């Protein structure tokens, strides 16, 4: 291989890594902008964070979505007001809703691994996204019960899970319809 070909290969690899970083940072920014928008209905507010994360998984895939969510969480832990209600800080993570924030990571993995391979199977994507959201609920509720030691499982479920199921199902369906369309348009524009 000539020196010119070596330089070309290195440049393409470098350009690809830079593009990957930029796309991941943009997705983290989208989550940071949408996640604070929330409606307090109890100890766990209704927010746009799950909708943003569902879309990010469809648009950029598991690896970049996981990294974007991790960046979002780290920014929030550093004190930036990116969590629900424009809050942030380690105290938010240590509080009763911290498990729902941490639960975004396994949620991304569960739904992303399926969606990456079966993006065209919308019903399957919806079902797996619902299962991934159930994983989020489990992680968050276990955390909630550890912090709020005087709360029963039934009370935690009635405060932290049951009110969110209809809205999360609607978000899952919206993301399943529009997420692949957005990804397709971005690919056509050579942005992904």
Protein backbone atom coordinates (compact mmCIF):
# COMPACT_ATOMS: atom_id res chain seq x y z
CA UNK A 1 0.00 0.00 0.00
CA UNK A 2 1.39 3.40 -0.91
CA UNK A 3 1.88 6.28 1.52
CA UNK A 4 -0.96 8.16 -0.15
CA UNK A 5 -3.33 5.22 0.40
CA UNK A 6 -2.22 4.92 4.05
CA UNK A 7 -2.93 8.63 4.60
CA UNK A 8 -6.33 8.25 2.93
CA UNK A 9 -7.27 5.26 5.12
CA UNK A 10 -6.16 7.09 8.30
CA UNK A 11 -8.09 10.21 7.28
CA UNK A 12 -11.26 8.19 6.61
CA UNK A 13 -10.92 6.43 9.97
CA UNK A 14 -10.32 9.74 11.72
CA UNK A 15 -13.26 11.37 9.92
CA UNK A 16 -15.49 8.45 10.89
CA UNK A 17 -14.51 8.73 14.58
CA UNK A 18 -15.12 12.48 14.56
CA UNK A 19 -18.51 12.00 12.90
CA UNK A 20 -19.37 9.35 15.50
CA UNK A 21 -18.43 11.69 18.35
CA UNK A 22 -20.40 14.59 16.88
CA UNK A 23 -23.51 12.48 16.31
CA UNK A 24 -23.31 11.04 19.83
CA UNK A 25 -22.84 14.50 21.34
CA UNK A 26 -25.83 15.82 19.37
CA UNK A 27 -28.00 12.96 20.63
CA UNK A 28 -26.88 13.64 24.21
CA UNK A 29 -27.80 17.30 23.66
CA UNK A 30 -31.27 16.31 22.39
CA UNK A 31 -31.83 14.26 25.55
CA UNK A 32 -30.52 17.11 27.73
CA UNK A 33 -32.93 19.56 26.10
CA UNK A 34 -36.03 17.34 26.24
CA UNK A 35 -35.55 15.46 29.54
CA UNK A 36 -36.03 18.45 31.89
CA UNK A 37 -39.48 19.15 30.44
CA UNK A 38 -41.73 17.43 32.95
CA UNK A 39 -45.04 17.42 34.73
CA UNK A 40 -44.89 16.57 38.45
CA UNK A 41 -47.60 14.02 39.26
CA UNK A 42 -46.00 12.51 42.36
CA UNK A 43 -42.53 11.48 43.45
CA UNK A 44 -41.65 10.54 39.85
CA UNK A 45 -42.60 13.19 37.27
CA UNK A 46 -43.80 12.58 33.73
CA UNK A 47 -41.00 13.79 31.49
CA UNK A 48 -39.93 13.69 27.87
CA UNK A 49 -36.73 11.82 28.72
CA UNK A 50 -38.03 8.39 27.70
CA UNK A 51 -39.42 9.76 24.43
CA UNK A 52 -36.06 11.35 23.64
CA UNK A 53 -34.22 8.13 24.47
CA UNK A 54 -36.60 5.97 22.39
CA UNK A 55 -35.95 8.24 19.41
CA UNK A 56 -32.19 8.27 19.95
CA UNK A 57 -32.08 4.44 19.92
CA UNK A 58 -33.97 4.34 16.60
CA UNK A 59 -31.90 7.09 15.04
CA UNK A 60 -28.33 6.16 15.99
CA UNK A 61 -28.41 2.59 17.29
CA UNK A 62 -27.44 0.96 20.55
CA UNK A 63 -23.78 1.90 20.88
CA UNK A 64 -24.18 5.61 20.22
CA UNK A 65 -27.48 5.78 22.13
CA UNK A 66 -25.90 4.14 25.19
CA UNK A 67 -23.02 6.60 25.07
CA UNK A 68 -25.38 9.57 24.61
CA UNK A 69 -27.46 8.48 27.62
CA UNK A 70 -24.32 7.95 29.70
CA UNK A 71 -23.12 11.47 28.79
CA UNK A 72 -26.56 12.84 29.73
CA UNK A 73 -26.39 11.11 33.13
CA UNK A 74 -22.84 12.30 33.80
CA UNK A 75 -23.75 15.88 32.86
CA UNK A 76 -26.68 15.70 35.25
CA UNK A 77 -24.54 14.27 38.02
CA UNK A 78 -22.06 17.10 37.45
CA UNK A 79 -24.85 19.52 38.34
CA UNK A 80 -26.17 20.63 34.96
CA UNK A 81 -29.97 21.02 35.12
CA UNK A 82 -30.78 18.24 32.63
CA UNK A 83 -32.93 15.99 34.81
CA UNK A 84 -36.68 16.41 35.18
CA UNK A 85 -37.78 19.83 36.36
CA UNK A 86 -34.42 21.32 35.37
CA UNK A 87 -32.62 19.65 38.25
CA UNK A 88 -29.21 18.05 38.47
CA UNK A 89 -26.51 16.93 40.83
CA UNK A 90 -25.44 13.84 42.70
CA UNK A 91 -28.22 14.40 45.24
CA UNK A 92 -30.80 13.82 42.49
CA UNK A 93 -29.12 10.53 41.60
CA UNK A 94 -29.01 9.48 45.27
CA UNK A 95 -32.68 10.37 45.73
CA UNK A 96 -35.78 8.26 45.15
CA UNK A 97 -35.88 8.85 41.38
CA UNK A 98 -32.18 8.14 40.73
CA UNK A 99 -32.90 4.53 39.81
CA UNK A 100 -35.15 5.60 36.97
CA UNK A 101 -32.29 7.68 35.57
CA UNK A 102 -29.79 4.81 35.93
CA UNK A 103 -32.43 2.48 34.46
CA UNK A 104 -32.18 4.28 31.13
CA UNK A 105 -28.91 2.43 30.45
CA UNK A 106 -30.25 -1.15 30.56
CA UNK A 107 -33.39 0.07 28.79
CA UNK A 108 -31.26 1.29 25.87
CA UNK A 109 -29.38 -2.01 25.69
CA UNK A 110 -32.51 -4.19 25.76
CA UNK A 111 -34.40 -2.24 23.12
CA UNK A 112 -31.38 -1.27 21.05
CA UNK A 113 -30.02 -4.77 20.50
CA UNK A 114 -33.35 -5.81 18.99
CA UNK A 115 -34.01 -2.62 17.03
CA UNK A 116 -30.51 -2.63 15.51
CA UNK A 117 -31.27 -6.00 13.89
CA UNK A 118 -35.03 -5.85 13.31
CA UNK A 119 -35.76 -2.18 12.69
CA UNK A 120 -38.40 -2.98 10.03
CA UNK A 121 -40.45 -5.19 12.36
CA UNK A 122 -42.43 -2.39 14.01
CA UNK A 123 -44.62 -4.67 16.14
CA UNK A 124 -41.53 -6.48 17.43
CA UNK A 125 -39.81 -3.13 18.11
CA UNK A 126 -42.84 -1.90 20.03
CA UNK A 127 -43.01 -5.09 22.12
CA UNK A 128 -39.29 -5.07 22.89
CA UNK A 129 -39.41 -1.35 23.72
CA UNK A 130 -42.24 -2.09 26.16
CA UNK A 131 -40.16 -4.89 27.71
CA UNK A 132 -37.15 -2.54 27.93
CA UNK A 133 -39.34 0.03 29.67
CA UNK A 134 -40.40 -2.69 32.12
CA UNK A 135 -36.69 -3.16 32.89
CA UNK A 136 -36.49 0.60 33.55
CA UNK A 137 -39.48 0.32 35.89
CA UNK A 138 -37.89 -2.57 37.80
CA UNK A 139 -34.55 -0.81 38.28
CA UNK A 140 -36.24 2.45 39.26
CA UNK A 141 -38.74 0.87 41.61
CA UNK A 142 -36.14 -1.25 43.42
CA UNK A 143 -34.02 1.91 43.87
CA UNK A 144 -37.10 3.87 45.02
CA UNK A 145 -37.86 1.21 47.65
CA UNK A 146 -34.25 1.27 48.89
CA UNK A 147 -34.37 5.04 49.40
CA UNK A 148 -37.96 5.27 50.62
CA UNK A 149 -37.73 2.43 53.15
CA UNK A 150 -41.17 3.07 54.64
CA UNK A 151 -42.92 2.54 51.27
CA UNK A 152 -44.54 -0.76 50.33
CA UNK A 153 -44.12 -2.35 46.90
CA UNK A 154 -47.82 -1.78 46.13
CA UNK A 155 -47.52 1.91 47.03
CA UNK A 156 -44.33 2.29 44.97
CA UNK A 157 -45.98 0.67 41.95
CA UNK A 158 -49.06 2.88 42.27
CA UNK A 159 -46.89 6.03 42.48
CA UNK A 160 -43.97 5.18 40.20
CA UNK A 161 -45.16 2.73 37.55
CA UNK A 162 -48.89 2.48 36.95
CA UNK A 163 -49.48 6.18 36.13
CA UNK A 164 -46.69 6.06 33.53
CA UNK A 165 -47.68 2.99 31.52
CA UNK A 166 -50.20 4.68 29.16
CA UNK A 167 -47.89 7.62 28.41
CA UNK A 168 -44.86 5.40 27.89
CA UNK A 169 -46.82 3.13 25.55
CA UNK A 170 -47.85 6.20 23.53
CA UNK A 171 -44.21 7.38 23.43
CA UNK A 172 -43.06 3.92 22.30
CA UNK A 173 -45.57 3.90 19.44
CA UNK A 174 -44.67 7.45 18.38
CA UNK A 175 -40.96 6.56 18.35
CA UNK A 176 -41.64 3.32 16.42
CA UNK A 177 -43.51 5.28 13.74
CA UNK A 178 -41.30 8.33 13.39
CA UNK A 179 -37.87 7.10 14.58
CA UNK A 180 -37.15 4.98 11.48
CA UNK A 181 -38.43 7.79 9.24
CA UNK A 182 -36.06 10.30 10.84
CA UNK A 183 -33.16 7.82 10.60
CA UNK A 184 -33.95 7.23 6.92
CA UNK A 185 -34.02 10.95 6.15
CA UNK A 186 -30.74 11.53 7.97
CA UNK A 187 -29.15 8.65 6.05
CA UNK A 188 -30.45 10.04 2.75
CA UNK A 189 -28.86 13.36 3.66
CA UNK A 190 -25.61 11.47 4.42
CA UNK A 191 -25.69 12.70 8.03
CA UNK A 192 -25.58 9.22 9.60
